[in-house]
Amino acid sequence: KTMPNYFDEYDTTVHFISEEELKRDYSGIPHG
């Protein structure tokens, strides 16, 4: 949350999840 040039100027939410959850739910690279 305090990382300069990356997160410090934003409202940032951090979720701690398992490796399995990351692979299952967040494996893609969408954007727009």
Full PDB file with SEQRES, HELIX, SHEET, SSBOND, CRYST1, ORIGX, SCALE, CONECT and MASTER records, all heavy atoms in Angstrom:
SEQRES   1 A   32  LYS THR MET PRO ASN TYR PHE ASP GLU TYR ASP THR THR          
SEQRES   2 A   32  VAL HIS PHE ILE SER GLU GLU GLU LEU LYS ARG ASP TYR          
SEQRES   3 A   32  SER GLY ILE PRO HIS GLY                                      
HELIX    1 AA1 GLU A   19  ASP A   25  1                                   7    
CRYST1    1.000    1.000    1.000  90.00  90.00  90.00 P 1           1          
ORIGX1      1.000000  0.000000  0.000000        0.00000                         
ORIGX2      0.000000  1.000000  0.000000        0.00000                         
ORIGX3      0.000000  0.000000  1.000000        0.00000                         
SCALE1      1.000000  0.000000  0.000000        0.00000                         
SCALE2      0.000000  1.000000  0.000000        0.00000                         
SCALE3      0.000000  0.000000  1.000000        0.00000                         
ATOM      1  N   LYS A   1       0.803  -1.223   0.000  1.00  0.00           N  
ATOM      2  CA  LYS A   1       0.000   0.000   0.000  1.00  0.00           C  
ATOM      3  C   LYS A   1       0.835   1.272   0.000  1.00  0.00           C  
ATOM      4  O   LYS A   1       0.354   2.324  -0.457  1.00  0.00           O  
ATOM      5  CB  LYS A   1      -0.940  -0.003   1.211  1.00  0.00           C  
ATOM      6  CG  LYS A   1      -2.055  -1.026   1.109  1.00  0.00           C  
ATOM      7  CD  LYS A   1      -3.008  -0.920   2.290  1.00  0.00           C  
ATOM      8  CE  LYS A   1      -4.224  -1.824   2.108  1.00  0.00           C  
ATOM      9  NZ  LYS A   1      -5.182  -1.713   3.229  1.00  0.00           N  
ATOM     10  N   THR A   2       2.068   1.192   0.475  1.00  0.00           N  
ATOM     11  CA  THR A   2       2.911   2.391   0.551  1.00  0.00           C  
ATOM     12  C   THR A   2       4.007   2.409  -0.521  1.00  0.00           C  
ATOM     13  O   THR A   2       4.870   3.287  -0.494  1.00  0.00           O  
ATOM     14  CB  THR A   2       3.569   2.491   1.937  1.00  0.00           C  
ATOM     15  OG1 THR A   2       4.379   1.310   2.179  1.00  0.00           O  
ATOM     16  CG2 THR A   2       2.531   2.629   3.031  1.00  0.00           C  
ATOM     17  N   MET A   3       3.976   1.479  -1.466  1.00  0.00           N  
ATOM     18  CA  MET A   3       5.033   1.397  -2.479  1.00  0.00           C  
ATOM     19  C   MET A   3       4.994   2.619  -3.400  1.00  0.00           C  
ATOM     20  O   MET A   3       4.013   2.848  -4.105  1.00  0.00           O  
ATOM     21  CB  MET A   3       4.869   0.116  -3.301  1.00  0.00           C  
ATOM     22  CG  MET A   3       6.056  -0.173  -4.214  1.00  0.00           C  
ATOM     23  SD  MET A   3       5.786  -1.663  -5.220  1.00  0.00           S  
ATOM     24  CE  MET A   3       5.682  -2.925  -3.941  1.00  0.00           C  
ATOM     25  N   PRO A   4       6.069   3.416  -3.429  1.00  0.00           N  
ATOM     26  CA  PRO A   4       6.083   4.621  -4.272  1.00  0.00           C  
ATOM     27  C   PRO A   4       5.982   4.262  -5.753  1.00  0.00           C  
ATOM     28  O   PRO A   4       6.507   3.242  -6.202  1.00  0.00           O  
ATOM     29  CB  PRO A   4       7.454   5.248  -3.960  1.00  0.00           C  
ATOM     30  CG  PRO A   4       7.893   4.648  -2.666  1.00  0.00           C  
ATOM     31  CD  PRO A   4       7.302   3.268  -2.645  1.00  0.00           C  
ATOM     32  N   ASN A   5       5.266   5.112  -6.503  1.00  0.00           N  
ATOM     33  CA  ASN A   5       5.121   4.992  -7.956  1.00  0.00           C  
ATOM     34  C   ASN A   5       4.235   3.823  -8.383  1.00  0.00           C  
ATOM     35  O   ASN A   5       3.995   3.640  -9.577  1.00  0.00           O  
ATOM     36  CB  ASN A   5       6.469   4.872  -8.664  1.00  0.00           C  
ATOM     37  CG  ASN A   5       7.390   6.036  -8.366  1.00  0.00           C  
ATOM     38  OD1 ASN A   5       6.947   7.179  -8.347  1.00  0.00           O  
ATOM     39  ND2 ASN A   5       8.654   5.748  -8.115  1.00  0.00           N  
ATOM     40  N   TYR A   6       3.778   3.021  -7.441  1.00  0.00           N  
ATOM     41  CA  TYR A   6       2.935   1.882  -7.789  1.00  0.00           C  
ATOM     42  C   TYR A   6       1.578   1.942  -7.079  1.00  0.00           C  
ATOM     43  O   TYR A   6       0.528   1.858  -7.707  1.00  0.00           O  
ATOM     44  CB  TYR A   6       3.643   0.560  -7.458  1.00  0.00           C  
ATOM     45  CG  TYR A   6       4.730   0.200  -8.440  1.00  0.00           C  
ATOM     46  CD1 TYR A   6       6.034   0.633  -8.249  1.00  0.00           C  
ATOM     47  CD2 TYR A   6       4.446  -0.570  -9.560  1.00  0.00           C  
ATOM     48  CE1 TYR A   6       7.032   0.307  -9.157  1.00  0.00           C  
ATOM     49  CE2 TYR A   6       5.436  -0.908 -10.469  1.00  0.00           C  
ATOM     50  CZ  TYR A   6       6.729  -0.461 -10.270  1.00  0.00           C  
ATOM     51  OH  TYR A   6       7.716  -0.779 -11.162  1.00  0.00           O  
ATOM     52  N   PHE A   7       1.605   2.054  -5.736  1.00  0.00           N  
ATOM     53  CA  PHE A   7       0.352   1.930  -4.983  1.00  0.00           C  
ATOM     54  C   PHE A   7       0.078   3.093  -4.034  1.00  0.00           C  
ATOM     55  O   PHE A   7      -1.055   3.233  -3.566  1.00  0.00           O  
ATOM     56  CB  PHE A   7       0.368   0.625  -4.172  1.00  0.00           C  
ATOM     57  CG  PHE A   7       0.441  -0.607  -5.025  1.00  0.00           C  
ATOM     58  CD1 PHE A   7       1.643  -1.278  -5.197  1.00  0.00           C  
ATOM     59  CD2 PHE A   7      -0.691  -1.098  -5.670  1.00  0.00           C  
ATOM     60  CE1 PHE A   7       1.722  -2.415  -5.987  1.00  0.00           C  
ATOM     61  CE2 PHE A   7      -0.626  -2.240  -6.462  1.00  0.00           C  
ATOM     62  CZ  PHE A   7       0.584  -2.892  -6.624  1.00  0.00           C  
ATOM     63  N   ASP A   8       1.078   3.895  -3.711  1.00  0.00           N  
ATOM     64  CA  ASP A   8       0.896   4.870  -2.639  1.00  0.00           C  
ATOM     65  C   ASP A   8      -0.126   5.960  -2.966  1.00  0.00           C  
ATOM     66  O   ASP A   8      -0.691   6.570  -2.066  1.00  0.00           O  
ATOM     67  CB  ASP A   8       2.240   5.499  -2.240  1.00  0.00           C  
ATOM     68  CG  ASP A   8       2.905   6.272  -3.371  1.00  0.00           C  
ATOM     69  OD1 ASP A   8       2.669   5.920  -4.550  1.00  0.00           O  
ATOM     70  OD2 ASP A   8       3.648   7.221  -3.083  1.00  0.00           O  
ATOM     71  N   GLU A   9      -0.395   6.200  -4.253  1.00  0.00           N  
ATOM     72  CA  GLU A   9      -1.345   7.250  -4.625  1.00  0.00           C  
ATOM     73  C   GLU A   9      -2.757   6.712  -4.874  1.00  0.00           C  
ATOM     74  O   GLU A   9      -3.633   7.445  -5.337  1.00  0.00           O  
ATOM     75  CB  GLU A   9      -0.848   7.983  -5.872  1.00  0.00           C  
ATOM     76  CG  GLU A   9       0.447   8.759  -5.647  1.00  0.00           C  
ATOM     77  CD  GLU A   9       0.862   9.539  -6.883  1.00  0.00           C  
ATOM     78  OE1 GLU A   9       0.123   9.486  -7.898  1.00  0.00           O  
ATOM     79  OE2 GLU A   9       1.902  10.195  -6.830  1.00  0.00           O  
ATOM     80  N   TYR A  10      -2.968   5.422  -4.581  1.00  0.00           N  
ATOM     81  CA  TYR A  10      -4.255   4.783  -4.880  1.00  0.00           C  
ATOM     82  C   TYR A  10      -4.871   4.179  -3.622  1.00  0.00           C  
ATOM     83  O   TYR A  10      -4.163   3.797  -2.691  1.00  0.00           O  
ATOM     84  CB  TYR A  10      -4.065   3.661  -5.907  1.00  0.00           C  
ATOM     85  CG  TYR A  10      -3.514   4.105  -7.230  1.00  0.00           C  
ATOM     86  CD1 TYR A  10      -2.136   4.226  -7.429  1.00  0.00           C  
ATOM     87  CD2 TYR A  10      -4.365   4.403  -8.291  1.00  0.00           C  
ATOM     88  CE1 TYR A  10      -1.626   4.634  -8.650  1.00  0.00           C  
ATOM     89  CE2 TYR A  10      -3.868   4.801  -9.516  1.00  0.00           C  
ATOM     90  CZ  TYR A  10      -2.491   4.922  -9.697  1.00  0.00           C  
ATOM     91  OH  TYR A  10      -1.996   5.319 -10.894  1.00  0.00           O  
ATOM     92  N   ASP A  11      -6.204   4.047  -3.632  1.00  0.00           N  
ATOM     93  CA  ASP A  11      -6.869   3.221  -2.636  1.00  0.00           C  
ATOM     94  C   ASP A  11      -6.658   1.770  -3.061  1.00  0.00           C  
ATOM     95  O   ASP A  11      -7.113   1.348  -4.133  1.00  0.00           O  
ATOM     96  CB  ASP A  11      -8.363   3.547  -2.585  1.00  0.00           C  
ATOM     97  CG  ASP A  11      -8.621   4.916  -1.973  1.00  0.00           C  
ATOM     98  OD1 ASP A  11      -7.779   5.379  -1.180  1.00  0.00           O  
ATOM     99  OD2 ASP A  11      -9.659   5.517  -2.309  1.00  0.00           O  
ATOM    100  N   THR A  12      -5.926   1.023  -2.235  1.00  0.00           N  
ATOM    101  CA  THR A  12      -5.496  -0.333  -2.594  1.00  0.00           C  
ATOM    102  C   THR A  12      -6.034  -1.340  -1.594  1.00  0.00           C  
ATOM    103  O   THR A  12      -5.915  -1.150  -0.380  1.00  0.00           O  
ATOM    104  CB  THR A  12      -3.951  -0.413  -2.627  1.00  0.00           C  
ATOM    105  OG1 THR A  12      -3.456   0.531  -3.585  1.00  0.00           O  
ATOM    106  CG2 THR A  12      -3.483  -1.806  -3.004  1.00  0.00           C  
ATOM    107  N   THR A  13      -6.625  -2.416  -2.112  1.00  0.00           N  
ATOM    108  CA  THR A  13      -7.123  -3.510  -1.286  1.00  0.00           C  
ATOM    109  C   THR A  13      -6.248  -4.730  -1.520  1.00  0.00           C  
ATOM    110  O   THR A  13      -5.961  -5.085  -2.668  1.00  0.00           O  
ATOM    111  CB  THR A  13      -8.580  -3.851  -1.637  1.00  0.00           C  
ATOM    112  OG1 THR A  13      -9.374  -2.671  -1.519  1.00  0.00           O  
ATOM    113  CG2 THR A  13      -9.123  -4.930  -0.718  1.00  0.00           C  
ATOM    114  N   VAL A  14      -5.823  -5.386  -0.431  1.00  0.00           N  
ATOM    115  CA  VAL A  14      -4.967  -6.567  -0.529  1.00  0.00           C  
ATOM    116  C   VAL A  14      -5.725  -7.773   0.012  1.00  0.00           C  
ATOM    117  O   VAL A  14      -6.217  -7.757   1.144  1.00  0.00           O  
ATOM    118  CB  VAL A  14      -3.654  -6.375   0.257  1.00  0.00           C  
ATOM    119  CG1 VAL A  14      -2.789  -7.635   0.175  1.00  0.00           C  
ATOM    120  CG2 VAL A  14      -2.885  -5.157  -0.276  1.00  0.00           C  
ATOM    121  N   HIS A  15      -5.824  -8.828  -0.804  1.00  0.00           N  
ATOM    122  CA  HIS A  15      -6.455 -10.088  -0.394  1.00  0.00           C  
ATOM    123  C   HIS A  15      -5.374 -11.170  -0.350  1.00  0.00           C  
ATOM    124  O   HIS A  15      -4.642 -11.358  -1.335  1.00  0.00           O  
ATOM    125  CB  HIS A  15      -7.530 -10.530  -1.393  1.00  0.00           C  
ATOM    126  CG  HIS A  15      -8.576  -9.496  -1.677  1.00  0.00           C  
ATOM    127  ND1 HIS A  15      -9.669  -9.302  -0.859  1.00  0.00           N  
ATOM    128  CD2 HIS A  15      -8.694  -8.607  -2.691  1.00  0.00           C  
ATOM    129  CE1 HIS A  15     -10.431  -8.339  -1.370  1.00  0.00           C  
ATOM    130  NE2 HIS A  15      -9.855  -7.903  -2.475  1.00  0.00           N  
ATOM    131  N   PHE A  16      -5.277 -11.877   0.752  1.00  0.00           N  
ATOM    132  CA  PHE A  16      -4.349 -13.014   0.840  1.00  0.00           C  
ATOM    133  C   PHE A  16      -5.141 -14.283   0.537  1.00  0.00           C  
ATOM    134  O   PHE A  16      -6.153 -14.576   1.184  1.00  0.00           O  
ATOM    135  CB  PHE A  16      -3.703 -13.078   2.217  1.00  0.00           C  
ATOM    136  CG  PHE A  16      -2.720 -11.967   2.454  1.00  0.00           C  
ATOM    137  CD1 PHE A  16      -3.087 -10.834   3.178  1.00  0.00           C  
ATOM    138  CD2 PHE A  16      -1.441 -12.040   1.924  1.00  0.00           C  
ATOM    139  CE1 PHE A  16      -2.189  -9.799   3.374  1.00  0.00           C  
ATOM    140  CE2 PHE A  16      -0.531 -10.995   2.110  1.00  0.00           C  
ATOM    141  CZ  PHE A  16      -0.911  -9.883   2.846  1.00  0.00           C  
ATOM    142  N   ILE A  17      -4.688 -15.017  -0.479  1.00  0.00           N  
ATOM    143  CA  ILE A  17      -5.403 -16.208  -0.924  1.00  0.00           C  
ATOM    144  C   ILE A  17      -4.398 -17.346  -1.103  1.00  0.00           C  
ATOM    145  O   ILE A  17      -3.183 -17.147  -1.052  1.00  0.00           O  
ATOM    146  CB  ILE A  17      -6.163 -15.958  -2.245  1.00  0.00           C  
ATOM    147  CG1 ILE A  17      -5.185 -15.588  -3.368  1.00  0.00           C  
ATOM    148  CG2 ILE A  17      -7.224 -14.875  -2.060  1.00  0.00           C  
ATOM    149  CD1 ILE A  17      -5.850 -15.440  -4.729  1.00  0.00           C  
ATOM    150  N   SER A  18      -4.918 -18.541  -1.342  1.00  0.00           N  
ATOM    151  CA  SER A  18      -4.050 -19.700  -1.541  1.00  0.00           C  
ATOM    152  C   SER A  18      -3.546 -19.750  -2.984  1.00  0.00           C  
ATOM    153  O   SER A  18      -4.107 -19.111  -3.885  1.00  0.00           O  
ATOM    154  CB  SER A  18      -4.806 -20.992  -1.230  1.00  0.00           C  
ATOM    155  OG  SER A  18      -5.811 -21.213  -2.216  1.00  0.00           O  
ATOM    156  N   GLU A  19      -2.499 -20.535  -3.180  1.00  0.00           N  
ATOM    157  CA  GLU A  19      -1.958 -20.711  -4.523  1.00  0.00           C  
ATOM    158  C   GLU A  19      -2.991 -21.342  -5.446  1.00  0.00           C  
ATOM    159  O   GLU A  19      -3.100 -20.990  -6.627  1.00  0.00           O  
ATOM    160  CB  GLU A  19      -0.698 -21.583  -4.451  1.00  0.00           C  
ATOM    161  CG  GLU A  19       0.143 -21.557  -5.706  1.00  0.00           C  
ATOM    162  CD  GLU A  19       1.504 -22.177  -5.489  1.00  0.00           C  
ATOM    163  OE1 GLU A  19       1.743 -22.782  -4.423  1.00  0.00           O  
ATOM    164  OE2 GLU A  19       2.341 -22.050  -6.407  1.00  0.00           O  
ATOM    165  N   GLU A  20      -3.780 -22.260  -4.893  1.00  0.00           N  
ATOM    166  CA  GLU A  20      -4.816 -22.920  -5.682  1.00  0.00           C  
ATOM    167  C   GLU A  20      -5.880 -21.910  -6.136  1.00  0.00           C  
ATOM    168  O   GLU A  20      -6.345 -21.941  -7.279  1.00  0.00           O  
ATOM    169  CB  GLU A  20      -5.484 -24.038  -4.871  1.00  0.00           C  
ATOM    170  CG  GLU A  20      -4.588 -25.243  -4.602  1.00  0.00           C  
ATOM    171  CD  GLU A  20      -3.490 -24.946  -3.568  1.00  0.00           C  
ATOM    172  OE1 GLU A  20      -3.680 -24.000  -2.751  1.00  0.00           O  
ATOM    173  OE2 GLU A  20      -2.452 -25.631  -3.597  1.00  0.00           O  
ATOM    174  N   GLU A  21      -6.274 -21.006  -5.238  1.00  0.00           N  
ATOM    175  CA  GLU A  21      -7.268 -19.988  -5.594  1.00  0.00           C  
ATOM    176  C   GLU A  21      -6.736 -19.064  -6.686  1.00  0.00           C  
ATOM    177  O   GLU A  21      -7.470 -18.683  -7.605  1.00  0.00           O  
ATOM    178  CB  GLU A  21      -7.641 -19.166  -4.362  1.00  0.00           C  
ATOM    179  CG  GLU A  21      -8.519 -19.891  -3.359  1.00  0.00           C  
ATOM    180  CD  GLU A  21      -8.757 -19.040  -2.125  1.00  0.00           C  
ATOM    181  OE1 GLU A  21      -7.789 -18.803  -1.363  1.00  0.00           O  
ATOM    182  OE2 GLU A  21      -9.910 -18.595  -1.944  1.00  0.00           O  
ATOM    183  N   LEU A  22      -5.464 -18.683  -6.580  1.00  0.00           N  
ATOM    184  CA  LEU A  22      -4.885 -17.802  -7.585  1.00  0.00           C  
ATOM    185  C   LEU A  22      -4.903 -18.456  -8.964  1.00  0.00           C  
ATOM    186  O   LEU A  22      -5.291 -17.825  -9.956  1.00  0.00           O  
ATOM    187  CB  LEU A  22      -3.447 -17.431  -7.198  1.00  0.00           C  
ATOM    188  CG  LEU A  22      -2.776 -16.373  -8.094  1.00  0.00           C  
ATOM    189  CD1 LEU A  22      -3.410 -15.007  -7.863  1.00  0.00           C  
ATOM    190  CD2 LEU A  22      -1.274 -16.307  -7.841  1.00  0.00           C  
ATOM    191  N   LYS A  23      -4.502 -19.718  -9.019  1.00  0.00           N  
ATOM    192  CA  LYS A  23      -4.483 -20.423 -10.303  1.00  0.00           C  
ATOM    193  C   LYS A  23      -5.893 -20.642 -10.833  1.00  0.00           C  
ATOM    194  O   LYS A  23      -6.142 -20.547 -12.043  1.00  0.00           O  
ATOM    195  CB  LYS A  23      -3.768 -21.770 -10.138  1.00  0.00           C  
ATOM    196  CG  LYS A  23      -2.264 -21.644  -9.916  1.00  0.00           C  
ATOM    197  CD  LYS A  23      -1.617 -23.009  -9.728  1.00  0.00           C  
ATOM    198  CE  LYS A  23      -0.115 -22.874  -9.511  1.00  0.00           C  
ATOM    199  NZ  LYS A  23       0.530 -24.191  -9.269  1.00  0.00           N  
ATOM    200  N   ARG A  24      -6.834 -20.922  -9.952  1.00  0.00           N  
ATOM    201  CA  ARG A  24      -8.203 -21.224 -10.381  1.00  0.00           C  
ATOM    202  C   ARG A  24      -8.967 -19.980 -10.830  1.00  0.00           C  
ATOM    203  O   ARG A  24      -9.655 -19.989 -11.848  1.00  0.00           O  
ATOM    204  CB  ARG A  24      -8.945 -21.907  -9.230  1.00  0.00           C  
ATOM    205  CG  ARG A  24     -10.372 -22.360  -9.596  1.00  0.00           C  
ATOM    206  CD  ARG A  24     -11.128 -22.794  -8.340  1.00  0.00           C  
ATOM    207  NE  ARG A  24     -11.393 -21.660  -7.460  1.00  0.00           N  
ATOM    208  CZ  ARG A  24     -11.381 -21.735  -6.125  1.00  0.00           C  
ATOM    209  NH1 ARG A  24     -11.106 -22.890  -5.518  1.00  0.00           N  
ATOM    210  NH2 ARG A  24     -11.642 -20.660  -5.404  1.00  0.00           N  
ATOM    211  N   ASP A  25      -8.828 -18.905 -10.066  1.00  0.00           N  
ATOM    212  CA  ASP A  25      -9.692 -17.745 -10.272  1.00  0.00           C  
ATOM    213  C   ASP A  25      -9.018 -16.561 -10.957  1.00  0.00           C  
ATOM    214  O   ASP A  25      -9.705 -15.657 -11.453  1.00  0.00           O  
ATOM    215  CB  ASP A  25     -10.253 -17.270  -8.922  1.00  0.00           C  
ATOM    216  CG  ASP A  25     -11.068 -18.348  -8.225  1.00  0.00           C  
ATOM    217  OD1 ASP A  25     -11.674 -19.179  -8.933  1.00  0.00           O  
ATOM    218  OD2 ASP A  25     -11.082 -18.367  -6.977  1.00  0.00           O  
ATOM    219  N   TYR A  26      -7.678 -16.533 -10.989  1.00  0.00           N  
ATOM    220  CA  TYR A  26      -6.981 -15.336 -11.473  1.00  0.00           C  
ATOM    221  C   TYR A  26      -5.823 -15.691 -12.407  1.00  0.00           C  
ATOM    222  O   TYR A  26      -4.790 -15.028 -12.415  1.00  0.00           O  
ATOM    223  CB  TYR A  26      -6.468 -14.508 -10.282  1.00  0.00           C  
ATOM    224  CG  TYR A  26      -7.556 -14.170  -9.295  1.00  0.00           C  
ATOM    225  CD1 TYR A  26      -7.678 -14.896  -8.101  1.00  0.00           C  
ATOM    226  CD2 TYR A  26      -8.484 -13.174  -9.557  1.00  0.00           C  
ATOM    227  CE1 TYR A  26      -8.698 -14.613  -7.199  1.00  0.00           C  
ATOM    228  CE2 TYR A  26      -9.507 -12.886  -8.658  1.00  0.00           C  
ATOM    229  CZ  TYR A  26      -9.602 -13.610  -7.480  1.00  0.00           C  
ATOM    230  OH  TYR A  26     -10.613 -13.327  -6.591  1.00  0.00           O  
ATOM    231  N   SER A  27      -5.997 -16.731 -13.222  1.00  0.00           N  
ATOM    232  CA  SER A  27      -4.896 -17.179 -14.080  1.00  0.00           C  
ATOM    233  C   SER A  27      -4.801 -16.392 -15.383  1.00  0.00           C  
ATOM    234  O   SER A  27      -3.754 -16.379 -16.030  1.00  0.00           O  
ATOM    235  CB  SER A  27      -5.058 -18.668 -14.405  1.00  0.00           C  
ATOM    236  OG  SER A  27      -6.287 -18.896 -15.075  1.00  0.00           O  
ATOM    237  N   GLY A  28      -5.877 -15.738 -15.781  1.00  0.00           N  
ATOM    238  CA  GLY A  28      -5.868 -15.015 -17.046  1.00  0.00           C  
ATOM    239  C   GLY A  28      -5.146 -13.678 -16.957  1.00  0.00           C  
ATOM    240  O   GLY A  28      -4.718 -13.246 -15.873  1.00  0.00           O  
ATOM    241  N   ILE A  29      -5.001 -13.024 -18.122  1.00  0.00           N  
ATOM    242  CA  ILE A  29      -4.359 -11.704 -18.168  1.00  0.00           C  
ATOM    243  C   ILE A  29      -5.273 -10.754 -18.945  1.00  0.00           C  
ATOM    244  O   ILE A  29      -4.925 -10.230 -20.000  1.00  0.00           O  
ATOM    245  CB  ILE A  29      -2.961 -11.776 -18.825  1.00  0.00           C  
ATOM    246  CG1 ILE A  29      -2.162 -12.965 -18.306  1.00  0.00           C  
ATOM    247  CG2 ILE A  29      -2.184 -10.481 -18.560  1.00  0.00           C  
ATOM    248  CD1 ILE A  29      -0.808 -13.138 -18.963  1.00  0.00           C  
ATOM    249  N   PRO A  30      -6.501 -10.512 -18.424  1.00  0.00           N  
ATOM    250  CA  PRO A  30      -7.417  -9.594 -19.108  1.00  0.00           C  
ATOM    251  C   PRO A  30      -7.012  -8.144 -18.877  1.00  0.00           C  
ATOM    252  O   PRO A  30      -6.273  -7.836 -17.928  1.00  0.00           O  
ATOM    253  CB  PRO A  30      -8.756  -9.893 -18.435  1.00  0.00           C  
ATOM    254  CG  PRO A  30      -8.362 -10.252 -17.029  1.00  0.00           C  
ATOM    255  CD  PRO A  30      -7.056 -11.014 -17.164  1.00  0.00           C  
ATOM    256  N   HIS A  31      -7.464  -7.270 -19.726  1.00  0.00           N  
ATOM    257  CA  HIS A  31      -7.264  -5.833 -19.493  1.00  0.00           C  
ATOM    258  C   HIS A  31      -8.174  -5.056 -20.430  1.00  0.00           C  
ATOM    259  O   HIS A  31      -9.028  -5.617 -21.092  1.00  0.00           O  
ATOM    260  CB  HIS A  31      -5.800  -5.424 -19.679  1.00  0.00           C  
ATOM    261  CG  HIS A  31      -5.355  -4.405 -18.667  1.00  0.00           C  
ATOM    262  ND1 HIS A  31      -6.131  -3.330 -18.298  1.00  0.00           N  
ATOM    263  CD2 HIS A  31      -4.212  -4.289 -17.953  1.00  0.00           C  
ATOM    264  CE1 HIS A  31      -5.476  -2.608 -17.388  1.00  0.00           C  
ATOM    265  NE2 HIS A  31      -4.317  -3.169 -17.156  1.00  0.00           N  
ATOM    266  N   GLY A  32      -7.989  -3.757 -20.472  1.00  0.00           N  
ATOM    267  CA  GLY A  32      -8.797  -2.894 -21.310  1.00  0.00           C  
ATOM    268  C   GLY A  32      -8.816  -1.494 -20.751  1.00  0.00           C  
ATOM    269  O   GLY A  32      -7.983  -1.126 -19.914  1.00  0.00           O  
TER     270      GLY A  32                                                      
MASTER        0    0    0    1    0    0    0    6  269    1    0    3          
END                                                                             
